[in-house]
N, C-alpha and C. Protein backbone atom coordinates (compact mmCIF):
# COMPACT_ATOMS: atom_id res chain seq x y z
N MET A 1 85.49 77.33 86.66
CA MET A 1 84.49 77.68 85.61
C MET A 1 85.09 78.90 84.86
N SER A 2 85.12 78.78 83.57
CA SER A 2 85.64 79.72 82.84
C SER A 2 84.85 80.97 82.93
N PRO A 3 85.39 82.22 82.48
CA PRO A 3 84.63 83.36 82.42
C PRO A 3 83.38 83.30 81.41
N ALA A 4 83.64 82.64 80.30
CA ALA A 4 82.51 82.47 79.34
C ALA A 4 81.48 81.56 79.83
N VAL A 5 81.80 80.58 80.43
CA VAL A 5 80.75 79.63 81.00
C VAL A 5 80.04 80.30 82.15
N GLU A 6 80.76 81.03 83.01
CA GLU A 6 80.02 81.77 84.08
C GLU A 6 78.94 82.89 83.46
N PHE A 7 79.63 83.44 82.47
CA PHE A 7 78.63 84.68 81.99
C PHE A 7 77.27 83.95 81.34
N TRP A 8 77.42 83.01 80.54
CA TRP A 8 76.18 82.35 79.80
C TRP A 8 75.32 81.61 80.89
N VAL A 9 75.91 80.85 81.76
CA VAL A 9 75.07 80.22 82.91
C VAL A 9 74.32 81.43 83.73
N THR A 10 75.04 82.58 83.98
CA THR A 10 74.45 83.64 84.83
C THR A 10 73.44 84.35 83.96
N LEU A 11 73.60 84.46 82.65
CA LEU A 11 72.65 85.15 81.85
C LEU A 11 71.28 84.32 81.78
N PHE A 12 71.23 83.02 81.78
CA PHE A 12 70.09 82.36 81.41
C PHE A 12 69.62 81.58 82.75
N PHE A 13 70.34 81.43 83.72
CA PHE A 13 70.03 80.67 84.77
C PHE A 13 70.29 81.33 86.23
N GLY A 14 70.57 82.71 86.03
CA GLY A 14 70.99 83.36 87.23
C GLY A 14 69.96 83.54 88.26
N PRO A 15 68.65 83.87 87.70
CA PRO A 15 67.59 83.89 88.70
C PRO A 15 67.30 82.79 89.63
N PHE A 16 67.94 81.61 89.18
CA PHE A 16 67.68 80.40 89.87
C PHE A 16 68.84 80.11 90.69
N GLY A 17 69.90 80.93 90.55
CA GLY A 17 71.12 80.77 91.36
C GLY A 17 72.13 79.60 90.93
N VAL A 18 71.86 79.17 89.62
CA VAL A 18 72.73 77.91 89.14
C VAL A 18 74.14 78.40 89.23
N HIS A 19 74.51 79.58 88.92
CA HIS A 19 75.99 79.99 88.88
C HIS A 19 76.45 79.92 90.27
N ARG A 20 75.62 80.21 91.25
CA ARG A 20 76.23 80.17 92.70
C ARG A 20 76.43 78.85 93.18
N PHE A 21 75.57 77.84 92.66
CA PHE A 21 75.80 76.33 92.99
C PHE A 21 77.09 75.91 92.30
N LEU A 22 77.29 76.31 91.11
CA LEU A 22 78.57 75.84 90.25
C LEU A 22 79.77 76.37 91.07
N LYS A 23 79.71 77.51 91.75
CA LYS A 23 80.76 77.96 92.60
C LYS A 23 80.85 77.59 93.98
N HIS A 24 79.96 76.51 94.19
CA HIS A 24 79.83 75.91 95.60
C HIS A 24 79.41 76.93 96.72
N GLN A 25 78.66 77.82 96.35
CA GLN A 25 77.88 78.69 97.26
C GLN A 25 76.52 78.31 97.48
N ILE A 26 76.36 77.39 98.01
CA ILE A 26 75.09 76.54 98.22
C ILE A 26 74.18 77.51 99.12
N GLY A 27 74.46 78.15 100.08
CA GLY A 27 73.47 79.15 100.70
C GLY A 27 73.06 80.08 99.69
N MET A 28 74.05 80.82 99.23
CA MET A 28 73.49 81.84 98.19
C MET A 28 72.58 81.23 97.12
N GLY A 29 72.98 80.12 96.55
CA GLY A 29 72.19 79.47 95.51
C GLY A 29 70.82 79.44 96.02
N ILE A 30 70.50 78.75 97.21
CA ILE A 30 69.13 78.36 97.76
C ILE A 30 68.40 79.86 97.92
N LEU A 31 69.17 80.96 98.55
CA LEU A 31 68.50 82.16 98.49
C LEU A 31 68.19 82.67 97.38
N TYR A 32 68.99 82.52 96.18
CA TYR A 32 68.42 83.06 94.86
C TYR A 32 67.12 82.32 94.39
N ILE A 33 67.21 81.02 94.58
CA ILE A 33 66.00 80.24 94.19
C ILE A 33 64.69 80.76 94.88
N CYS A 34 64.77 80.93 96.27
CA CYS A 34 63.68 81.42 96.97
C CYS A 34 63.20 82.86 96.73
N THR A 35 64.21 83.73 96.16
CA THR A 35 63.78 85.18 95.96
C THR A 35 64.04 85.54 94.53
N CYS A 36 64.20 84.38 93.72
CA CYS A 36 64.31 84.71 92.22
C CYS A 36 65.36 85.70 92.04
N GLY A 37 66.59 85.30 92.31
CA GLY A 37 67.88 86.10 92.10
C GLY A 37 67.79 87.41 92.95
N LEU A 38 67.51 87.19 94.25
CA LEU A 38 67.37 88.47 95.20
C LEU A 38 66.53 89.60 94.41
N PHE A 39 65.46 89.18 94.09
CA PHE A 39 64.40 89.92 93.39
C PHE A 39 64.89 90.57 92.02
N GLY A 40 65.91 89.77 91.43
CA GLY A 40 66.32 90.32 90.18
C GLY A 40 67.54 91.23 90.18
N ILE A 41 67.71 91.87 91.61
CA ILE A 41 68.83 92.88 91.67
C ILE A 41 70.07 92.12 91.69
N GLY A 42 70.25 90.93 92.55
CA GLY A 42 71.46 90.28 92.68
C GLY A 42 71.88 89.51 91.32
N TRP A 43 70.87 89.16 90.68
CA TRP A 43 71.08 88.60 89.34
C TRP A 43 71.70 89.55 88.36
N ILE A 44 71.14 90.75 88.29
CA ILE A 44 71.82 91.76 87.36
C ILE A 44 73.23 92.23 87.82
N ILE A 45 73.52 92.11 89.25
CA ILE A 45 74.83 92.70 89.65
C ILE A 45 75.88 91.47 89.31
N ASP A 46 75.43 90.20 89.54
CA ASP A 46 76.23 89.09 89.07
C ASP A 46 76.42 88.96 87.47
N LEU A 47 75.45 89.20 86.84
CA LEU A 47 75.55 89.23 85.40
C LEU A 47 76.59 90.37 84.88
N ALA A 48 76.44 91.49 85.59
CA ALA A 48 77.44 92.62 85.09
C ALA A 48 78.89 92.25 85.51
N LYS A 49 79.18 91.59 86.64
CA LYS A 49 80.54 91.27 86.98
C LYS A 49 80.93 90.05 86.02
N ALA A 50 80.05 89.07 85.66
CA ALA A 50 80.49 88.04 84.83
C ALA A 50 80.67 88.53 83.45
N GLY A 51 79.99 89.59 83.05
CA GLY A 51 80.13 90.18 81.62
C GLY A 51 81.32 90.89 81.54
N LYS A 52 81.83 91.50 82.63
CA LYS A 52 83.15 92.24 82.74
C LYS A 52 84.22 91.31 82.63
N GLN A 53 84.16 90.30 83.33
CA GLN A 53 85.32 89.29 83.56
C GLN A 53 85.41 88.54 82.05
N TYR A 54 84.25 88.30 81.42
CA TYR A 54 84.15 87.64 80.07
C TYR A 54 84.82 88.60 79.07
N TRP A 55 84.56 89.84 79.09
CA TRP A 55 85.14 90.82 78.16
C TRP A 55 86.63 90.88 78.42
N GLN A 56 87.06 90.97 79.66
CA GLN A 56 88.50 91.19 80.02
C GLN A 56 89.25 89.85 79.59
N ALA A 57 88.69 88.73 79.62
CA ALA A 57 89.29 87.37 79.21
C ALA A 57 89.45 87.34 77.63
N TYR A 58 88.31 87.94 77.05
CA TYR A 58 88.38 87.96 75.49
C TYR A 58 89.42 88.86 75.01
N ARG A 59 89.56 90.09 75.61
CA ARG A 59 90.61 90.91 75.22
C ARG A 59 91.97 90.50 75.57
N TYR A 60 92.17 89.76 76.59
CA TYR A 60 93.37 89.14 76.88
C TYR A 60 93.85 88.28 76.04
N GLN A 61 92.85 87.17 75.61
CA GLN A 61 93.20 86.12 74.64
C GLN A 61 93.45 86.71 73.21
N THR A 62 92.65 87.67 72.94
CA THR A 62 93.03 88.34 71.49
C THR A 62 94.35 89.03 71.47
N ALA A 63 94.67 89.75 72.59
CA ALA A 63 96.11 90.45 72.67
C ALA A 63 96.95 89.34 72.69
N LEU A 64 96.96 88.24 73.25
CA LEU A 64 97.91 87.26 73.38
C LEU A 64 98.15 86.58 72.09
N SER A 65 97.08 86.47 71.18
CA SER A 65 97.27 85.74 69.92
C SER A 65 97.65 86.78 68.87
N ASP A 66 97.79 88.00 69.07
CA ASP A 66 98.11 89.09 68.06
C ASP A 66 99.72 89.02 68.04
N LYS A 67 100.33 88.16 67.48
CA LYS A 67 101.66 87.98 67.20
C LYS A 67 102.30 88.99 66.37
N PRO A 68 103.45 89.72 66.63
CA PRO A 68 103.99 90.70 65.83
C PRO A 68 104.67 90.15 64.61
N GLU A 69 104.66 90.80 63.43
CA GLU A 69 105.40 90.34 62.28
C GLU A 69 106.81 90.90 62.28
N TYR A 70 106.88 91.88 63.03
CA TYR A 70 108.24 92.50 63.13
C TYR A 70 108.54 92.97 64.53
N LEU A 71 109.78 93.17 64.95
CA LEU A 71 109.97 93.75 66.25
C LEU A 71 110.42 95.15 65.94
N THR A 72 109.86 95.97 66.92
CA THR A 72 110.16 97.46 66.70
C THR A 72 111.12 97.97 67.66
N PRO A 73 112.34 98.46 67.25
CA PRO A 73 113.28 98.86 68.14
C PRO A 73 112.83 100.22 68.95
N CYS A 74 113.24 100.21 70.29
CA CYS A 74 112.86 101.32 71.09
C CYS A 74 114.07 101.68 71.94
N ASP A 75 113.85 102.71 72.67
CA ASP A 75 114.81 103.24 73.72
C ASP A 75 115.01 102.31 74.82
N ALA A 76 116.15 102.37 75.42
CA ALA A 76 116.29 101.50 76.53
C ALA A 76 117.02 102.46 77.54
N PRO A 77 116.48 103.22 78.19
CA PRO A 77 117.17 104.25 79.20
C PRO A 77 117.63 103.50 80.29
N GLY A 78 118.84 103.63 80.74
CA GLY A 78 119.47 103.01 81.82
C GLY A 78 120.14 101.61 81.53
N LEU A 79 119.99 101.10 80.41
CA LEU A 79 120.50 99.82 79.99
C LEU A 79 121.51 99.96 78.95
N LEU A 80 122.80 99.23 79.45
CA LEU A 80 123.86 99.23 78.54
C LEU A 80 123.76 98.20 77.41
N LEU A 81 123.66 98.37 76.05
CA LEU A 81 123.51 97.57 75.11
C LEU A 81 124.79 97.24 74.43
N GLY A 82 124.97 95.94 73.91
CA GLY A 82 126.13 95.47 73.19
C GLY A 82 126.06 96.09 71.76
N SER A 83 127.21 95.89 71.19
CA SER A 83 127.37 96.53 69.79
C SER A 83 126.22 96.13 68.85
N ASP A 84 125.90 94.88 68.78
CA ASP A 84 124.80 94.34 68.01
C ASP A 84 123.51 94.10 68.62
N GLU A 85 123.35 94.63 69.76
CA GLU A 85 122.12 94.41 70.50
C GLU A 85 121.09 95.57 70.42
N VAL A 86 119.86 95.17 70.20
CA VAL A 86 118.79 96.18 70.01
C VAL A 86 117.70 95.93 70.99
N CYS A 87 117.31 96.93 71.77
CA CYS A 87 116.02 96.72 72.59
C CYS A 87 114.71 96.86 71.86
N VAL A 88 113.82 96.02 72.14
CA VAL A 88 112.50 95.91 71.46
C VAL A 88 111.39 95.97 72.44
N TYR A 89 111.81 96.00 73.74
CA TYR A 89 110.57 96.23 74.75
C TYR A 89 111.09 96.79 75.87
N TYR A 90 110.53 98.05 76.39
CA TYR A 90 110.84 98.72 77.66
C TYR A 90 109.62 99.16 78.38
N ALA A 91 109.48 98.75 79.70
CA ALA A 91 108.34 99.22 80.44
C ALA A 91 108.43 99.02 81.91
N PRO A 92 107.77 99.90 82.78
CA PRO A 92 107.82 99.65 84.16
C PRO A 92 107.29 98.31 84.50
N ALA A 93 107.70 97.74 85.56
CA ALA A 93 107.21 96.37 86.06
C ALA A 93 107.47 96.30 87.55
N LYS A 94 106.81 95.22 88.09
CA LYS A 94 106.99 95.26 89.69
C LYS A 94 107.29 93.69 90.03
N TYR A 95 108.37 93.57 90.67
CA TYR A 95 108.75 92.20 91.03
C TYR A 95 107.83 91.77 92.19
N VAL A 96 107.29 90.54 92.25
CA VAL A 96 106.21 90.03 93.08
C VAL A 96 107.14 89.11 94.06
N GLU A 97 107.01 89.31 95.29
CA GLU A 97 107.72 88.42 96.21
C GLU A 97 106.53 87.97 97.27
N SER A 98 106.38 86.62 97.27
CA SER A 98 105.33 86.04 98.09
C SER A 98 106.16 85.18 99.23
N LYS A 99 105.81 85.50 100.41
CA LYS A 99 106.43 84.70 101.56
C LYS A 99 105.25 84.38 102.76
N ASN A 100 105.36 83.06 103.23
CA ASN A 100 104.68 82.74 104.35
C ASN A 100 105.15 83.26 105.59
N LEU A 101 104.53 84.30 106.23
CA LEU A 101 105.15 84.88 107.29
C LEU A 101 104.37 84.82 108.64
N VAL A 102 104.81 85.00 109.75
CA VAL A 102 104.11 85.16 111.04
C VAL A 102 103.50 86.47 111.11
N THR A 103 102.07 86.50 111.19
CA THR A 103 101.54 87.97 111.27
C THR A 103 100.86 87.95 112.53
N GLY A 104 101.08 87.23 113.66
CA GLY A 104 100.42 87.54 114.90
C GLY A 104 100.38 86.19 115.47
N HIS A 105 99.74 86.20 116.81
CA HIS A 105 99.66 85.11 117.83
C HIS A 105 98.38 85.22 118.49
N VAL A 106 97.71 83.96 118.48
CA VAL A 106 96.51 84.10 119.41
C VAL A 106 96.60 83.05 120.63
N ARG A 107 96.24 83.52 121.74
CA ARG A 107 96.37 82.66 123.03
C ARG A 107 94.99 82.31 123.41
N GLU A 108 94.89 80.84 123.72
CA GLU A 108 93.65 80.38 124.10
C GLU A 108 93.85 80.07 125.67
N TYR A 109 92.77 80.32 126.37
CA TYR A 109 92.83 80.30 127.92
C TYR A 109 91.89 79.11 128.10
N GLY A 110 92.37 78.36 129.33
CA GLY A 110 91.32 77.39 129.89
C GLY A 110 91.77 77.15 131.35
N GLY A 111 91.12 76.27 131.98
CA GLY A 111 91.43 76.15 133.42
C GLY A 111 90.52 75.17 134.10
N ALA A 112 90.93 74.86 135.23
CA ALA A 112 90.01 73.96 136.14
C ALA A 112 89.99 74.41 137.50
N SER A 113 89.13 74.03 138.38
CA SER A 113 88.88 74.46 139.76
C SER A 113 88.52 73.21 140.53
N VAL A 114 89.00 73.12 141.86
CA VAL A 114 88.76 71.96 142.73
C VAL A 114 88.15 72.66 143.90
N ARG A 115 87.17 71.94 144.44
CA ARG A 115 86.43 72.17 145.70
C ARG A 115 87.23 71.72 146.78
N VAL A 116 87.81 72.54 147.65
CA VAL A 116 88.59 72.27 148.79
C VAL A 116 87.65 72.04 150.07
N VAL A 117 86.84 73.04 150.36
CA VAL A 117 85.72 72.91 151.53
C VAL A 117 84.64 73.64 150.99
N PRO A 118 83.39 73.36 151.58
CA PRO A 118 82.25 74.04 151.01
C PRO A 118 82.36 75.42 150.88
N GLY A 119 82.08 75.95 149.78
CA GLY A 119 82.03 77.39 149.51
C GLY A 119 83.39 77.90 148.98
N VAL A 120 84.37 77.14 149.07
CA VAL A 120 85.91 77.52 148.69
C VAL A 120 86.25 76.55 147.65
N ARG A 121 86.77 77.02 146.39
CA ARG A 121 87.25 76.34 145.36
C ARG A 121 88.59 76.88 145.08
N VAL A 122 89.63 76.12 144.67
CA VAL A 122 90.90 76.55 144.19
C VAL A 122 91.09 76.26 142.67
N GLY A 123 91.39 77.14 141.91
CA GLY A 123 91.57 76.96 140.53
C GLY A 123 92.79 77.40 139.88
N ARG A 124 93.12 76.82 138.65
CA ARG A 124 94.42 77.18 137.97
C ARG A 124 93.95 77.26 136.58
N SER A 125 94.40 78.54 136.01
CA SER A 125 94.17 78.63 134.46
C SER A 125 95.52 78.38 133.65
N THR A 126 95.35 77.92 132.51
CA THR A 126 96.34 77.71 131.66
C THR A 126 95.96 78.37 130.29
N GLY A 127 97.08 78.59 129.56
CA GLY A 127 97.00 79.27 128.18
C GLY A 127 97.92 78.60 127.18
N VAL A 128 97.33 78.39 125.99
CA VAL A 128 98.07 78.02 124.86
C VAL A 128 98.22 79.09 123.76
N SER A 129 99.40 79.32 123.29
CA SER A 129 99.72 80.25 122.34
C SER A 129 99.75 79.62 120.86
N HIS A 130 98.90 80.26 119.89
CA HIS A 130 98.98 79.56 118.52
C HIS A 130 99.58 80.79 117.62
N THR A 131 100.43 80.37 116.71
CA THR A 131 101.05 81.28 115.70
C THR A 131 100.31 81.32 114.46
N ILE A 132 99.98 82.57 114.02
CA ILE A 132 99.13 82.98 112.87
C ILE A 132 100.19 83.06 111.79
N ARG A 133 100.13 82.37 110.81
CA ARG A 133 100.78 82.53 109.53
C ARG A 133 100.00 82.70 108.40
N GLU A 134 100.59 83.63 107.37
CA GLU A 134 99.79 84.03 106.36
C GLU A 134 100.78 84.22 105.14
N ASP A 135 100.07 84.07 103.79
CA ASP A 135 100.85 84.39 102.71
C ASP A 135 100.93 85.93 102.48
N VAL A 136 102.01 86.64 102.51
CA VAL A 136 102.18 87.91 102.20
C VAL A 136 102.79 88.27 100.96
N THR A 137 102.35 89.13 100.13
CA THR A 137 102.78 89.48 98.84
C THR A 137 103.34 90.97 98.89
N ARG A 138 104.48 91.08 98.42
CA ARG A 138 105.14 92.47 98.51
C ARG A 138 105.61 92.65 97.00
N LEU A 139 105.42 94.05 96.48
CA LEU A 139 105.87 94.33 95.20
C LEU A 139 107.04 95.35 95.18
N TYR A 140 107.86 95.16 94.32
CA TYR A 140 109.02 96.03 94.23
C TYR A 140 109.20 96.53 92.89
N PRO A 141 109.09 97.86 92.69
CA PRO A 141 109.12 98.34 91.42
C PRO A 141 110.48 98.32 90.65
N GLY A 142 110.32 98.45 89.34
CA GLY A 142 111.58 98.33 88.59
C GLY A 142 111.08 98.42 87.10
N THR A 143 112.15 97.99 86.23
CA THR A 143 112.08 98.30 84.72
C THR A 143 112.19 96.89 84.09
N LEU A 144 111.53 96.41 83.23
CA LEU A 144 111.69 95.31 82.37
C LEU A 144 112.18 95.66 80.89
N TYR A 145 113.29 95.09 80.46
CA TYR A 145 113.85 95.08 79.06
C TYR A 145 113.80 93.95 78.46
N ILE A 146 113.35 93.96 77.11
CA ILE A 146 113.60 92.69 76.27
C ILE A 146 114.60 93.25 75.22
N THR A 147 115.59 92.57 74.88
CA THR A 147 116.62 92.93 73.58
C THR A 147 116.50 91.88 72.68
N THR A 148 117.24 91.82 71.55
CA THR A 148 117.40 90.82 70.79
C THR A 148 118.29 89.61 71.26
N MET A 149 118.94 89.93 72.41
CA MET A 149 119.87 89.04 73.07
C MET A 149 119.43 88.54 74.33
N ARG A 150 118.83 89.23 75.14
CA ARG A 150 118.60 89.12 76.59
C ARG A 150 117.26 89.68 77.14
N VAL A 151 117.01 89.23 78.28
CA VAL A 151 116.00 89.80 79.03
C VAL A 151 116.38 90.37 80.45
N VAL A 152 116.14 91.57 80.80
CA VAL A 152 116.60 92.11 82.01
C VAL A 152 115.54 92.83 82.80
N PHE A 153 115.78 92.65 84.06
CA PHE A 153 114.74 93.34 85.04
C PHE A 153 115.81 94.20 86.09
N SER A 154 115.60 95.41 86.13
CA SER A 154 116.38 96.40 86.97
C SER A 154 115.48 96.84 87.94
N GLY A 155 115.82 96.46 89.24
CA GLY A 155 114.82 97.05 90.41
C GLY A 155 115.62 96.94 91.77
N GLU A 156 114.94 97.51 92.87
CA GLU A 156 115.53 97.27 94.13
C GLU A 156 115.65 96.02 94.58
N LYS A 157 114.86 94.98 94.11
CA LYS A 157 114.77 93.72 94.48
C LYS A 157 114.31 92.71 93.31
N GLY A 158 114.70 91.47 93.21
CA GLY A 158 114.38 90.66 92.16
C GLY A 158 114.98 90.77 90.73
N GLY A 159 116.19 91.61 90.64
CA GLY A 159 116.66 91.94 89.44
C GLY A 159 117.35 90.73 88.95
N PHE A 160 117.46 90.78 87.57
CA PHE A 160 118.04 89.57 86.82
C PHE A 160 118.58 90.14 85.45
N ASP A 161 119.42 89.36 84.97
CA ASP A 161 119.98 89.63 83.48
C ASP A 161 120.38 88.36 82.75
N HIS A 162 119.58 87.77 81.95
CA HIS A 162 119.77 86.45 81.42
C HIS A 162 119.73 86.53 79.88
N PRO A 163 120.50 85.78 79.25
CA PRO A 163 120.30 85.74 77.73
C PRO A 163 119.00 84.87 77.34
N LEU A 164 118.61 85.25 76.29
CA LEU A 164 117.16 84.61 75.89
C LEU A 164 117.20 82.99 75.88
N ASN A 165 118.35 82.53 75.61
CA ASN A 165 118.45 81.05 75.64
C ASN A 165 118.48 80.45 76.73
N ALA A 166 118.62 81.16 77.80
CA ALA A 166 118.61 80.67 79.36
C ALA A 166 117.04 80.59 79.88
N ILE A 167 116.15 81.03 79.10
CA ILE A 167 114.86 80.94 79.56
C ILE A 167 114.13 79.49 79.53
N SER A 168 113.82 78.95 80.63
CA SER A 168 113.11 77.61 80.61
C SER A 168 111.82 77.56 80.24
N THR A 169 111.01 78.45 80.84
CA THR A 169 109.56 78.48 80.63
C THR A 169 109.10 80.01 80.86
N ILE A 170 108.07 80.26 80.14
CA ILE A 170 107.29 81.58 80.24
C ILE A 170 105.85 81.47 80.63
N GLY A 171 105.51 82.06 81.74
CA GLY A 171 104.03 82.04 82.07
C GLY A 171 103.41 83.49 82.00
N VAL A 172 102.26 83.47 81.66
CA VAL A 172 101.53 84.70 81.36
C VAL A 172 100.06 84.63 81.96
N SER A 173 99.65 85.85 82.67
CA SER A 173 98.19 85.92 83.12
C SER A 173 97.95 87.35 82.68
N PRO A 174 96.63 87.77 82.89
CA PRO A 174 96.36 89.12 82.44
C PRO A 174 97.19 90.22 83.00
N ASN A 175 97.70 90.04 84.04
CA ASN A 175 98.64 91.11 84.59
C ASN A 175 99.97 90.95 85.10
N SER A 176 100.39 89.76 84.62
CA SER A 176 101.89 89.40 85.14
C SER A 176 102.36 88.28 84.12
N VAL A 177 103.63 88.11 84.30
CA VAL A 177 104.51 87.46 83.39
C VAL A 177 105.52 86.73 84.43
N SER A 178 105.67 85.44 84.24
CA SER A 178 106.69 84.46 84.91
C SER A 178 107.72 84.15 84.22
N PHE A 179 108.97 84.13 84.69
CA PHE A 179 110.12 83.68 83.89
C PHE A 179 110.81 82.64 84.73
N GLN A 180 111.18 81.42 84.18
CA GLN A 180 111.87 80.42 84.81
C GLN A 180 113.32 80.31 84.16
N PHE A 181 114.32 80.36 84.98
CA PHE A 181 115.69 80.30 84.45
C PHE A 181 116.30 79.20 85.35
N GLY A 182 116.40 77.99 84.68
CA GLY A 182 116.72 76.79 85.48
C GLY A 182 115.91 76.43 86.64
N GLY A 183 116.69 76.76 87.95
CA GLY A 183 115.69 76.45 89.22
C GLY A 183 115.34 77.74 89.67
N LYS A 184 115.42 78.77 89.04
CA LYS A 184 115.04 80.14 89.67
C LYS A 184 113.97 80.74 88.82
N SER A 185 112.90 81.08 89.66
CA SER A 185 111.83 81.84 88.84
C SER A 185 111.47 83.28 89.44
N TYR A 186 110.91 83.97 88.43
CA TYR A 186 110.66 85.61 88.89
C TYR A 186 109.20 85.72 88.30
N THR A 187 108.43 86.30 89.06
CA THR A 187 107.08 86.80 88.50
C THR A 187 107.04 88.38 88.56
N LEU A 188 106.76 89.00 87.45
CA LEU A 188 106.55 90.41 87.41
C LEU A 188 105.18 90.91 87.11
N MET A 189 104.83 91.89 87.85
CA MET A 189 103.55 92.63 87.50
C MET A 189 103.61 93.33 86.16
N THR A 190 102.86 93.37 85.10
CA THR A 190 103.01 94.31 84.10
C THR A 190 101.66 94.78 83.69
N TYR A 191 101.48 95.82 82.96
CA TYR A 191 100.29 96.38 82.54
C TYR A 191 99.85 95.82 81.05
N ASP A 192 100.92 95.14 80.37
CA ASP A 192 100.60 94.69 79.12
C ASP A 192 101.23 93.42 78.88
N SER A 193 101.03 92.48 79.71
CA SER A 193 101.65 91.18 79.91
C SER A 193 101.48 90.35 78.44
N PRO A 194 100.47 90.41 77.65
CA PRO A 194 100.25 89.67 76.40
C PRO A 194 101.34 90.23 75.35
N ARG A 195 101.42 91.50 75.39
CA ARG A 195 102.37 92.05 74.41
C ARG A 195 103.83 91.80 74.90
N CYS A 196 104.07 91.88 76.09
CA CYS A 196 105.41 91.52 76.63
C CYS A 196 105.81 90.09 76.08
N VAL A 197 104.98 89.21 76.32
CA VAL A 197 105.19 87.65 75.91
C VAL A 197 105.36 87.61 74.43
N ASN A 198 104.54 88.34 73.72
CA ASN A 198 104.50 88.24 72.20
C ASN A 198 105.93 88.75 71.68
N ILE A 199 106.48 89.82 72.25
CA ILE A 199 107.58 90.32 71.81
C ILE A 199 108.76 89.43 72.31
N LEU A 200 108.67 88.83 73.49
CA LEU A 200 109.77 88.07 73.98
C LEU A 200 109.83 86.78 73.06
N GLU A 201 108.71 86.31 72.77
CA GLU A 201 108.84 84.95 71.83
C GLU A 201 109.22 85.31 70.61
N GLY A 202 108.99 86.63 69.97
CA GLY A 202 109.37 86.99 68.73
C GLY A 202 110.97 87.15 68.83
N ALA A 203 111.44 87.80 69.84
CA ALA A 203 112.76 87.89 69.91
C ALA A 203 113.65 86.38 69.96
N ILE A 204 112.95 85.50 70.92
CA ILE A 204 113.48 84.19 70.90
C ILE A 204 113.50 83.53 69.54
N ASN A 205 112.51 83.61 68.86
CA ASN A 205 112.46 83.07 67.44
C ASN A 205 112.97 83.65 66.53
N GLY A 206 113.65 84.87 66.64
CA GLY A 206 114.37 85.60 65.54
C GLY A 206 113.51 86.44 64.70
N ILE A 207 112.30 86.84 65.06
CA ILE A 207 111.63 87.71 64.11
C ILE A 207 112.30 89.02 63.76
N PRO A 208 112.46 89.27 62.47
CA PRO A 208 113.28 90.51 62.07
C PRO A 208 112.76 91.73 62.56
N LEU A 209 113.76 92.72 62.77
CA LEU A 209 113.44 94.00 63.33
C LEU A 209 112.90 94.96 62.14
N LEU A 210 111.88 95.77 62.52
CA LEU A 210 111.38 96.65 61.57
C LEU A 210 112.35 97.72 61.22
N THR A 211 112.64 98.03 59.95
CA THR A 211 113.61 99.07 59.38
C THR A 211 112.79 99.88 58.71
N LYS A 212 113.25 101.19 58.72
CA LYS A 212 112.71 102.28 58.11
C LYS A 212 113.10 102.29 56.43
């Protein structure tokens, strides 16, 4: 369910729990019907959350569609540039590493007993150990640069340096950018992902530099 749909459904049908049913929260949906949206309080809280998500999605889409007409040169501290190379984007970012790791073990116990003589039983207990695995995400800070020739991430982990024509695909979310270089992919957390992608696409497409 998109943020827009969730907001309007919550606004008009929230007291009857329709938005909860659409999110497969059947128990909460029935509770909302019986209590008229938890006496209106639950409905107002859900409406505020849906409104916030709707506004964030709107701002994100607006920023993503705001393509620059020119690329603005900027400083690139720490990056060595070629003679005809110009940096057009520089910002802190974090490399996202996700792994499925063993985070613990659970042991289940069981057993059985046998009657030997009246009043006396002999038993044996057994235990089975189960491994707990979870997806663990770690963030490694660094710096993202975009130039007229390449895209570079410098950090303690996940660093890369590739020419613009080596990019296979670009993915974007409200707080991250993903790069695919052949069979290798990288995901970076950024605070202005729409602007980052807009500038990157502009550099790939050869948008002219802003000159004084």
